[in-house]
Structure formats: structure tokens, C-alpha cells
């Protein structure tokens, strides 16, 4: 059974085609610069190829994806009819969706109702869903949500200290994000440790970053909240901040609330602190060259991660394993070392040399044999989770 996984952005459409019998990737690629000119499709199948093609909408993009997947020279299937189902990544599910769901007119309208939970991402999700349904109307489409894994959070963790009636009426609560990645890493961690009854902290560290506290395989807390703005300092997001800062900035800058929220999402984080970049490769290079603000940005990011680890260890009455994943978590030893240093008080010890020279693309144990807490780098695979969920929820032919 072949499943096509789609991750639509506002001007891009990433895809991956799986053969689910062995969970192998047959092809992958991205249609980029959709609707903004100079668009192209980069595809890896039988061979790598880049096609310059005018892609004014997501519909044209998905048509081009199907064209390249079936091309006799560099495609991997003879016909689009070989695709049994399509899985769509959706950032927010609100309280409507606690697990994946089949795309119907009803579920699509529910997604429209919760666009405000992730206004930077949800419109693009809808464009991708609508385009794929139009081009592939006979194929079942499945929604896989970044919030579903966090739906097991108890009220004590998910609710804010606001009037309870406002929560009930307006659904103002913590939803989290990156749940697809947290789910995959949690499952892989359970395979490594050989059981499900343990306390795990997953550190998904990328341009967007979040932690989750996972007890016995279920999420009991996560750092992102009502939107992905809460929690850790990120690439361009401020993370946790006193809400009164919003009012203060409206007065001092003459901005409206929407401008302030845009500022906190796009102009802050390590980019705003450093004045250099949101990319940790640039930050590390700049810090090594003596840039004090870049050094401060790395320290602040790492400190916030360390602080959340301590909070989640306390909330779960201890921690058995810490797993680092995503772009920074997998590839930036400087951040991992700043997080892990001076944590002997919980019995954590790690191999600093191995951390500095950690092999990429595989699960690696960083903790020493005499450490009370296991520490691993576990590469994430969100697309595979989406494919598995699509297989689980799509009607069988």
C-alpha cells in the first residue's frame, strides 16, 4: 500500500511517498515558491531532479508532484492510481480532534473554525488539503494533528488560570505543538528502554522548539500552549513572556495587538537577542568569533530548555530518559552540552567527547553507564508517523 504524505506551507508543498509494506520511502521532494514567482519542484526518486515550473497555486503544485511521481524516467509509480491514501499534516486540532481523522466536509469546516490557534500555519494546511482533494477526489485523505499527542494532558497541566467559564466557552487552554515528533520519539524511546512504564522528557529543538513530559507513554505536559508562541525561546519567537508586555508595546510603539503578536512571533527569539540570525549554525560561528550577543542567545535558549527539564522532572516525580531531537537537538552539540552540564544532582552523567562528535542520522546514547538518567539523541521522523496514522484511519480498499 502506497501512501502520499503532504506538508503544505504558505508557499511550499513538501511530499513523501511511502511503501507501507516495509515503510520505505519511494520518493520525496518539495514544490517551492508557490504563488510568488521563480517556483520550482525538487524531487528525489529514481534520480534527483529540479524542475523550474510556474506554480501559481497549490493545485498546480500537487498536479506537478503527481506528474513527477509517475514520470517514466525519474518517477517511482506507473500511475497515481497506485496511491491508496493521502496524509496531511495539520498543526492544530483544537478540542475537536484528539486523534487523526478522515477528511470530510465536516472535518474541513472544523479546521476553518480553529484557524486562530495557528494563524501562520492553518490557512496553508487548508490550501494543501483543498488542492489535493480536488486533484485526487477518489482517494481518502487523512488529517494528522500536531496537537493530538498532547490531548492526554490532565486539566492541571492544560488549563490556564483564567475564568473557567471562559475556558469552557472559548476553549482557551494549552494545546501544544510538534506532537507528531514527540509521538515518534516517545515510541522509539520505549523500544530502546524496552518498556512503556517510564518517565521521558522529549526535547524537540529546532527553529520552533518544545519539550514534552511523557509518563508511561502518555503526554502529561508540554511547553507550547494555546498557540506555538508559548514556552521555550525559539528561532524568532519570544516564548514565555508577561502578557502585560503586549499592552506596554502597544503604548510605546504605537502598534495594535496584531502587530505585537507578529513581532513576538517573527522578530524575537534568538534572532532578536543576537541580532545575527535564527539559525544556530550562524549563532555558533558568531559566538566563536567573539560576538557576546550571539553567546547570550545560545545561553538563554539552553537555559530555558534546562529549566523546563527540571520542571518536568519535578512534575513526573523523576525522569528516566531525556531525548534530544529535531534540527538543533540532533545536530548542535554546543546546545546539548549547555543543557546537560551540572545536572549531576539528578544523577545525570554524559560522555562529553561523544556528545561533541555524535554520529548523525541514528539513535545515539550520550549518557554514561553509571548515569541514573539515560540521555539519547533520537532523530525524528514525522512523515513516517503521518503515514502510519493515515494507514490506520483511511478506509481500506
Protein backbone atom coordinates (compact mmCIF):
# COMPACT_ATOMS: atom_id res chain seq x y z
CA UNK A 1 0.00 0.00 0.00
CA UNK A 2 1.41 3.36 -1.05
CA UNK A 3 0.68 6.49 0.97
CA UNK A 4 1.49 10.06 -0.01
CA UNK A 5 2.32 12.39 2.88
CA UNK A 6 1.75 16.12 2.35
CA UNK A 7 3.01 19.03 4.45
CA UNK A 8 1.72 22.27 2.97
CA UNK A 9 3.15 25.69 3.76
CA UNK A 10 2.01 29.08 2.54
CA UNK A 11 4.38 28.95 -0.46
CA UNK A 12 5.60 25.36 -0.37
CA UNK A 13 4.35 21.79 -0.52
CA UNK A 14 6.59 19.04 0.83
CA UNK A 15 5.79 15.45 -0.05
CA UNK A 16 6.97 11.92 0.68
CA UNK A 17 5.70 8.70 -0.87
CA UNK A 18 5.84 5.58 1.32
CA UNK A 19 5.52 1.90 0.55
CA UNK A 20 3.85 0.80 3.77
CA UNK A 21 4.62 -2.90 3.43
CA UNK A 22 8.16 -2.12 4.60
CA UNK A 23 7.74 1.58 5.48
CA UNK A 24 10.31 2.55 2.85
CA UNK A 25 10.46 5.98 1.21
CA UNK A 26 9.98 5.66 -2.54
CA UNK A 27 10.30 9.36 -3.31
CA UNK A 28 10.34 12.75 -1.66
CA UNK A 29 10.58 16.39 -2.60
CA UNK A 30 9.25 19.90 -2.31
CA UNK A 31 7.38 22.29 -4.57
CA UNK A 32 8.70 25.70 -3.55
CA UNK A 33 7.92 29.38 -4.10
CA UNK A 34 4.29 28.58 -4.92
CA UNK A 35 2.45 31.72 -5.97
CA UNK A 36 5.45 34.06 -5.58
CA UNK A 37 7.36 33.53 -8.83
CA UNK A 38 10.51 31.59 -9.79
CA UNK A 39 8.83 28.45 -8.46
CA UNK A 40 10.37 25.02 -8.83
CA UNK A 41 10.00 21.39 -7.80
CA UNK A 42 12.91 19.48 -6.30
CA UNK A 43 12.36 15.72 -6.48
CA UNK A 44 14.28 12.65 -5.36
CA UNK A 45 13.04 9.35 -6.77
CA UNK A 46 14.93 7.17 -9.20
CA UNK A 47 17.21 10.19 -9.50
CA UNK A 48 17.37 13.74 -8.19
CA UNK A 49 15.95 16.43 -10.41
CA UNK A 50 14.93 20.07 -10.12
CA UNK A 51 12.17 21.31 -12.41
CA UNK A 52 11.59 25.02 -12.94
CA UNK A 53 7.84 25.38 -13.36
CA UNK A 54 5.29 28.12 -12.86
CA UNK A 55 3.23 27.06 -9.82
CA UNK A 56 0.68 29.81 -9.15
CA UNK A 57 -1.37 27.74 -6.69
CA UNK A 58 -1.13 24.62 -4.54
CA UNK A 59 -3.38 22.84 -7.04
CA UNK A 60 -0.80 23.26 -9.80
CA UNK A 61 1.87 22.16 -7.32
CA UNK A 62 0.17 18.86 -6.44
CA UNK A 63 -0.51 18.19 -10.13
CA UNK A 64 3.20 18.63 -10.81
CA UNK A 65 4.04 16.33 -7.88
CA UNK A 66 1.85 13.58 -9.38
CA UNK A 67 3.41 14.20 -12.78
CA UNK A 68 6.93 13.74 -11.45
CA UNK A 69 5.98 10.70 -9.35
CA UNK A 70 4.67 8.95 -12.47
CA UNK A 71 7.31 10.11 -14.94
CA UNK A 72 8.84 7.12 -16.81
CA UNK A 73 12.39 8.43 -16.34
CA UNK A 74 12.56 9.61 -12.71
CA UNK A 75 9.21 8.67 -11.21
CA UNK A 76 8.56 5.67 -8.98
CA UNK A 77 4.99 4.61 -9.85
CA UNK A 78 3.24 3.99 -13.13
CA UNK A 79 0.01 5.73 -12.22
CA UNK A 80 -1.42 7.95 -9.49
CA UNK A 81 -3.98 5.17 -9.01
CA UNK A 82 -1.28 3.29 -7.07
CA UNK A 83 -1.59 5.86 -4.26
CA UNK A 84 -4.07 4.42 -1.76
CA UNK A 85 -4.38 7.40 0.59
CA UNK A 86 -3.00 10.85 1.34
CA UNK A 87 -1.97 12.01 4.81
CA UNK A 88 -1.94 15.72 5.67
CA UNK A 89 -0.01 17.30 8.49
CA UNK A 90 -2.19 19.79 10.40
CA UNK A 91 -0.66 21.99 13.09
CA UNK A 92 -3.70 22.47 15.35
CA UNK A 93 -6.69 20.30 16.14
CA UNK A 94 -8.17 22.32 18.99
CA UNK A 95 -10.63 20.42 21.15
CA UNK A 96 -12.29 18.96 18.06
CA UNK A 97 -9.55 16.45 17.30
CA UNK A 98 -7.83 14.27 19.89
CA UNK A 99 -6.68 11.84 17.22
CA UNK A 100 -6.29 11.68 13.45
CA UNK A 101 -9.42 11.91 11.30
CA UNK A 102 -10.65 11.30 7.79
CA UNK A 103 -11.10 14.46 5.70
CA UNK A 104 -14.76 15.23 5.15
CA UNK A 105 -16.67 18.45 4.56
CA UNK A 106 -17.42 18.47 8.28
CA UNK A 107 -13.83 18.00 9.47
CA UNK A 108 -12.66 20.62 6.97
CA UNK A 109 -15.10 23.16 8.41
CA UNK A 110 -13.90 22.38 11.92
CA UNK A 111 -10.37 23.19 10.82
CA UNK A 112 -11.62 26.52 9.49
CA UNK A 113 -13.14 27.20 12.92
CA UNK A 114 -9.76 26.91 14.67
CA UNK A 115 -7.51 28.81 12.26
CA UNK A 116 -6.80 31.36 15.01
CA UNK A 117 -4.98 28.72 17.06
CA UNK A 118 -2.16 28.75 14.49
CA UNK A 119 -2.79 31.63 12.08
CA UNK A 120 0.65 31.32 10.48
CA UNK A 121 0.14 27.67 9.55
CA UNK A 122 -3.53 26.72 9.33
CA UNK A 123 -4.51 28.64 6.16
CA UNK A 124 -1.69 26.87 4.33
CA UNK A 125 -2.86 23.50 5.69
CA UNK A 126 -6.31 24.16 4.25
CA UNK A 127 -4.91 25.18 0.88
CA UNK A 128 -2.96 21.93 0.68
CA UNK A 129 -5.95 19.83 1.72
CA UNK A 130 -8.30 21.52 -0.74
CA UNK A 131 -5.80 21.25 -3.61
CA UNK A 132 -5.15 17.55 -3.00
CA UNK A 133 -8.85 16.71 -2.68
CA UNK A 134 -9.56 18.49 -5.96
CA UNK A 135 -6.75 16.73 -7.84
CA UNK A 136 -7.28 13.34 -6.14
CA UNK A 137 -11.01 13.24 -5.31
CA UNK A 138 -11.36 9.44 -5.23
CA UNK A 139 -8.55 8.88 -2.72
CA UNK A 140 -9.17 9.02 1.05
CA UNK A 141 -7.42 11.91 2.78
CA UNK A 142 -6.46 11.79 6.46
CA UNK A 143 -5.73 14.66 8.86
CA UNK A 144 -2.85 14.06 11.28
CA UNK A 145 -2.59 16.70 14.00
CA UNK A 146 0.43 18.10 15.81
CA UNK A 147 -1.74 18.56 18.89
CA UNK A 148 -3.23 15.07 19.21
CA UNK A 149 -0.35 13.56 21.19
CA UNK A 150 -0.79 16.29 23.81
CA UNK A 151 -4.54 15.68 24.22
CA UNK A 152 -3.79 13.36 27.17
CA UNK A 153 -2.62 16.28 29.32
CA UNK A 154 -4.63 16.46 32.56
CA UNK A 155 -6.60 19.60 33.41
CA UNK A 156 -3.98 20.65 35.95
CA UNK A 157 -1.45 20.98 33.11
CA UNK A 158 -3.57 22.13 30.20
CA UNK A 159 -5.71 24.86 31.78
CA UNK A 160 -4.74 28.50 32.30
CA UNK A 161 -5.52 30.49 35.42
CA UNK A 162 -8.41 32.30 33.78
CA UNK A 163 -12.14 32.28 34.47
CA UNK A 164 -13.24 28.68 33.99
CA UNK A 165 -16.36 29.75 32.10
CA UNK A 166 -14.15 31.49 29.52
CA UNK A 167 -12.23 28.27 29.04
CA UNK A 168 -15.47 26.34 28.52
CA UNK A 169 -16.98 28.89 26.14
CA UNK A 170 -13.92 29.99 24.17
CA UNK A 171 -11.73 26.85 24.51
CA UNK A 172 -8.80 28.89 25.81
CA UNK A 173 -6.33 26.27 27.04
CA UNK A 174 -2.93 24.81 26.27
CA UNK A 175 -2.82 22.60 23.17
CA UNK A 176 0.89 22.22 22.46
CA UNK A 177 2.51 21.50 19.11
CA UNK A 178 5.16 19.28 17.49
CA UNK A 179 3.11 16.35 18.79
CA UNK A 180 3.84 14.18 15.74
CA UNK A 181 7.57 14.41 16.50
CA UNK A 182 7.05 13.90 20.25
CA UNK A 183 4.94 10.82 19.49
CA UNK A 184 7.58 9.28 17.23
CA UNK A 185 10.46 9.92 19.65
CA UNK A 186 8.40 8.58 22.58
CA UNK A 187 7.72 5.37 20.68
CA UNK A 188 11.37 4.98 19.72
CA UNK A 189 12.46 5.67 23.31
CA UNK A 190 10.14 2.91 24.53
CA UNK A 191 11.78 0.49 22.09
CA UNK A 192 15.22 1.48 23.39
CA UNK A 193 14.36 1.16 27.06
CA UNK A 194 12.26 -1.96 26.49
CA UNK A 195 9.10 -0.89 28.29
CA UNK A 196 6.45 1.84 28.40
CA UNK A 197 6.30 2.48 32.15
CA UNK A 198 8.98 5.15 32.45
CA UNK A 199 9.32 8.94 32.63
CA UNK A 200 10.60 10.60 29.47
CA UNK A 201 11.35 14.21 28.58
CA UNK A 202 11.45 14.86 24.83
CA UNK A 203 13.39 17.94 23.71
CA UNK A 204 12.25 18.84 20.19
CA UNK A 205 14.70 21.62 19.45
CA UNK A 206 14.51 23.33 16.08
CA UNK A 207 13.63 26.79 14.80
CA UNK A 208 10.36 26.03 16.55
CA UNK A 209 11.11 24.23 19.82
CA UNK A 210 9.15 22.46 22.54
CA UNK A 211 9.53 19.97 25.36
CA UNK A 212 7.09 17.33 26.48
CA UNK A 213 6.79 15.33 29.68
CA UNK A 214 5.77 11.77 28.81
CA UNK A 215 4.74 9.39 31.57
CA UNK A 216 4.09 5.75 30.68
CA UNK A 217 3.80 6.67 27.01
CA UNK A 218 1.26 9.49 27.54
CA UNK A 219 1.94 13.21 27.36
CA UNK A 220 1.26 14.87 30.72
CA UNK A 221 2.66 18.34 29.91
CA UNK A 222 4.25 20.29 27.09
CA UNK A 223 5.87 23.69 26.79
CA UNK A 224 3.84 25.21 23.93
CA UNK A 225 0.39 26.48 24.79
CA UNK A 226 -2.73 27.98 23.22
CA UNK A 227 -0.51 28.73 20.22
CA UNK A 228 3.09 27.79 19.38
CA UNK A 229 4.26 31.13 20.84
CA UNK A 230 4.39 29.91 24.45
CA UNK A 231 7.29 28.04 26.02
CA UNK A 232 10.94 27.99 25.01
CA UNK A 233 12.80 30.85 23.40
CA UNK A 234 12.89 29.85 19.72
CA UNK A 235 14.35 30.97 16.41
CA UNK A 236 12.17 34.07 16.09
CA UNK A 237 9.56 33.50 18.82
CA UNK A 238 9.87 35.06 22.26
CA UNK A 239 8.48 32.09 24.18
CA UNK A 240 7.16 32.69 27.70
CA UNK A 241 6.56 36.38 28.36
CA UNK A 242 4.49 38.50 30.75
CA UNK A 243 1.19 39.27 28.91
CA UNK A 244 1.44 42.87 30.12
CA UNK A 245 4.36 43.31 27.72
CA UNK A 246 1.80 43.23 24.91
CA UNK A 247 -0.05 46.24 26.31
CA UNK A 248 3.23 48.01 27.07
CA UNK A 249 4.42 47.62 23.47
CA UNK A 250 1.12 48.92 22.07
CA UNK A 251 1.63 52.10 24.09
CA UNK A 252 5.34 52.56 23.48
CA UNK A 253 5.49 51.51 19.83
CA UNK A 254 2.05 52.65 18.71
CA UNK A 255 1.27 49.17 17.46
CA UNK A 256 -2.04 47.32 17.61
CA UNK A 257 -2.25 43.89 19.24
CA UNK A 258 -1.84 42.04 15.93
CA UNK A 259 1.40 43.89 15.24
CA UNK A 260 2.72 43.00 18.68
CA UNK A 261 1.88 39.31 18.24
CA UNK A 262 3.54 39.35 14.82
CA UNK A 263 6.62 40.94 16.42
CA UNK A 264 6.74 38.29 19.17
CA UNK A 265 6.41 35.53 16.55
CA UNK A 266 8.75 36.80 13.85
CA UNK A 267 11.27 39.27 15.26
CA UNK A 268 12.24 37.96 18.69
CA UNK A 269 13.78 34.73 19.98
CA UNK A 270 17.47 34.08 19.38
CA UNK A 271 17.33 36.21 16.23
CA UNK A 272 16.19 39.24 18.20
CA UNK A 273 18.55 38.60 21.10
CA UNK A 274 21.63 38.01 18.95
CA UNK A 275 20.94 40.46 16.15
CA UNK A 276 22.57 37.83 13.94
CA UNK A 277 20.25 35.03 12.85
CA UNK A 278 17.68 32.45 13.88
CA UNK A 279 19.98 29.71 12.51
CA UNK A 280 22.12 28.13 15.21
CA UNK A 281 24.93 27.44 12.74
CA UNK A 282 25.27 31.19 12.28
CA UNK A 283 24.93 31.79 16.04
CA UNK A 284 27.65 29.27 16.93
CA UNK A 285 30.02 30.72 14.34
CA UNK A 286 29.34 34.26 15.51
CA UNK A 287 29.76 33.33 19.18
CA UNK A 288 33.04 31.59 18.42
CA UNK A 289 34.18 34.79 16.72
CA UNK A 290 33.54 36.71 19.94
CA UNK A 291 30.00 38.06 19.46
CA UNK A 292 28.69 38.43 23.01
CA UNK A 293 25.05 38.76 21.96
CA UNK A 294 25.21 35.53 19.96
CA UNK A 295 26.72 33.83 23.01
CA UNK A 296 23.92 35.24 25.16
CA UNK A 297 21.26 33.97 22.76
CA UNK A 298 22.65 30.43 22.87
CA UNK A 299 22.89 30.57 26.66
CA UNK A 300 19.33 31.87 27.04
CA UNK A 301 17.94 29.20 24.73
CA UNK A 302 19.81 26.44 26.57
CA UNK A 303 18.88 27.81 29.99
CA UNK A 304 15.18 27.74 29.13
CA UNK A 305 15.47 24.11 27.98
CA UNK A 306 17.29 23.18 31.20
CA UNK A 307 14.65 24.95 33.29
CA UNK A 308 11.80 23.06 31.64
CA UNK A 309 13.63 19.76 32.13
CA UNK A 310 13.86 20.50 35.84
CA UNK A 311 10.18 21.42 36.00
CA UNK A 312 9.08 18.26 34.19
CA UNK A 313 11.32 16.03 36.30
CA UNK A 314 9.59 17.50 39.36
CA UNK A 315 6.10 17.14 37.81
CA UNK A 316 6.65 13.45 36.99
CA UNK A 317 8.42 12.61 40.28
CA UNK A 318 11.65 11.93 38.44
CA UNK A 319 12.96 11.29 34.94
CA UNK A 320 14.34 8.08 33.44
CA UNK A 321 15.31 9.35 29.99
CA UNK A 322 15.92 12.64 28.18
CA UNK A 323 15.76 12.53 24.36
CA UNK A 324 17.03 15.27 22.04
CA UNK A 325 15.57 15.53 18.55
CA UNK A 326 14.95 17.88 15.57
CA UNK A 327 17.47 20.15 13.84
CA UNK A 328 19.17 21.69 16.86
CA UNK A 329 18.61 18.75 19.20
CA UNK A 330 20.18 16.31 16.74
CA UNK A 331 22.93 18.46 15.26
CA UNK A 332 24.11 21.09 17.76
CA UNK A 333 26.32 19.59 20.50
CA UNK A 334 27.02 23.05 21.91
CA UNK A 335 23.38 23.36 22.95
CA UNK A 336 23.15 19.81 24.31
CA UNK A 337 26.24 20.32 26.48
CA UNK A 338 24.92 23.58 27.95
CA UNK A 339 21.67 21.84 28.79
CA UNK A 340 23.28 18.73 30.29
CA UNK A 341 26.18 20.28 32.21
CA UNK A 342 25.83 20.48 36.00
CA UNK A 343 22.90 18.05 36.22
CA UNK A 344 24.70 15.55 38.45
CA UNK A 345 22.21 16.45 41.18
CA UNK A 346 19.68 14.17 39.44
CA UNK A 347 22.35 11.57 38.76
CA UNK A 348 22.84 12.57 35.12
CA UNK A 349 26.26 11.98 33.58
CA UNK A 350 27.11 12.07 29.90
CA UNK A 351 30.04 11.45 27.58
CA UNK A 352 31.22 14.92 26.53
CA UNK A 353 33.51 13.63 23.80
CA UNK A 354 30.76 11.51 22.27
CA UNK A 355 28.36 14.45 22.50
CA UNK A 356 30.82 16.66 20.61
CA UNK A 357 31.26 14.03 17.89
CA UNK A 358 27.81 12.46 17.85
CA UNK A 359 27.09 10.44 14.68
CA UNK A 360 24.18 11.88 12.72
CA UNK A 361 21.10 10.14 11.47
CA UNK A 362 20.95 7.42 14.13
CA UNK A 363 19.91 7.00 17.75
CA UNK A 364 22.94 7.56 19.98
CA UNK A 365 23.28 7.07 23.74
CA UNK A 366 25.12 10.02 25.32
CA UNK A 367 24.73 9.07 28.98
CA UNK A 368 27.47 7.07 30.68
CA UNK A 369 26.84 3.62 32.13
CA UNK A 370 26.87 5.00 35.69
CA UNK A 371 24.29 7.72 34.90
CA UNK A 372 20.94 7.44 36.68
CA UNK A 373 19.24 9.14 33.73
CA UNK A 374 19.51 7.87 30.17
CA UNK A 375 20.31 10.55 27.58
CA UNK A 376 19.78 9.87 23.87
CA UNK A 377 19.79 11.68 20.58
CA UNK A 378 16.88 10.21 18.59
CA UNK A 379 16.33 11.50 15.03
CA UNK A 380 12.70 12.32 14.47
CA UNK A 381 10.58 11.04 11.59
CA UNK A 382 7.32 12.94 11.48
CA UNK A 383 6.45 11.85 7.95
CA UNK A 384 6.52 8.19 8.96
CA UNK A 385 4.10 8.88 11.82
CA UNK A 386 1.76 10.64 9.39
CA UNK A 387 1.96 7.68 7.01
CA UNK A 388 1.24 5.21 9.83
CA UNK A 389 -1.71 7.26 11.05
CA UNK A 390 -3.05 7.54 7.51
CA UNK A 391 -2.83 3.78 7.12
CA UNK A 392 -4.70 3.40 10.41
CA UNK A 393 -7.57 5.79 9.60
CA UNK A 394 -8.04 5.51 5.83
CA UNK A 395 -10.84 3.20 4.69
CA UNK A 396 -9.36 0.04 3.21
CA UNK A 397 -9.96 -0.54 -0.46
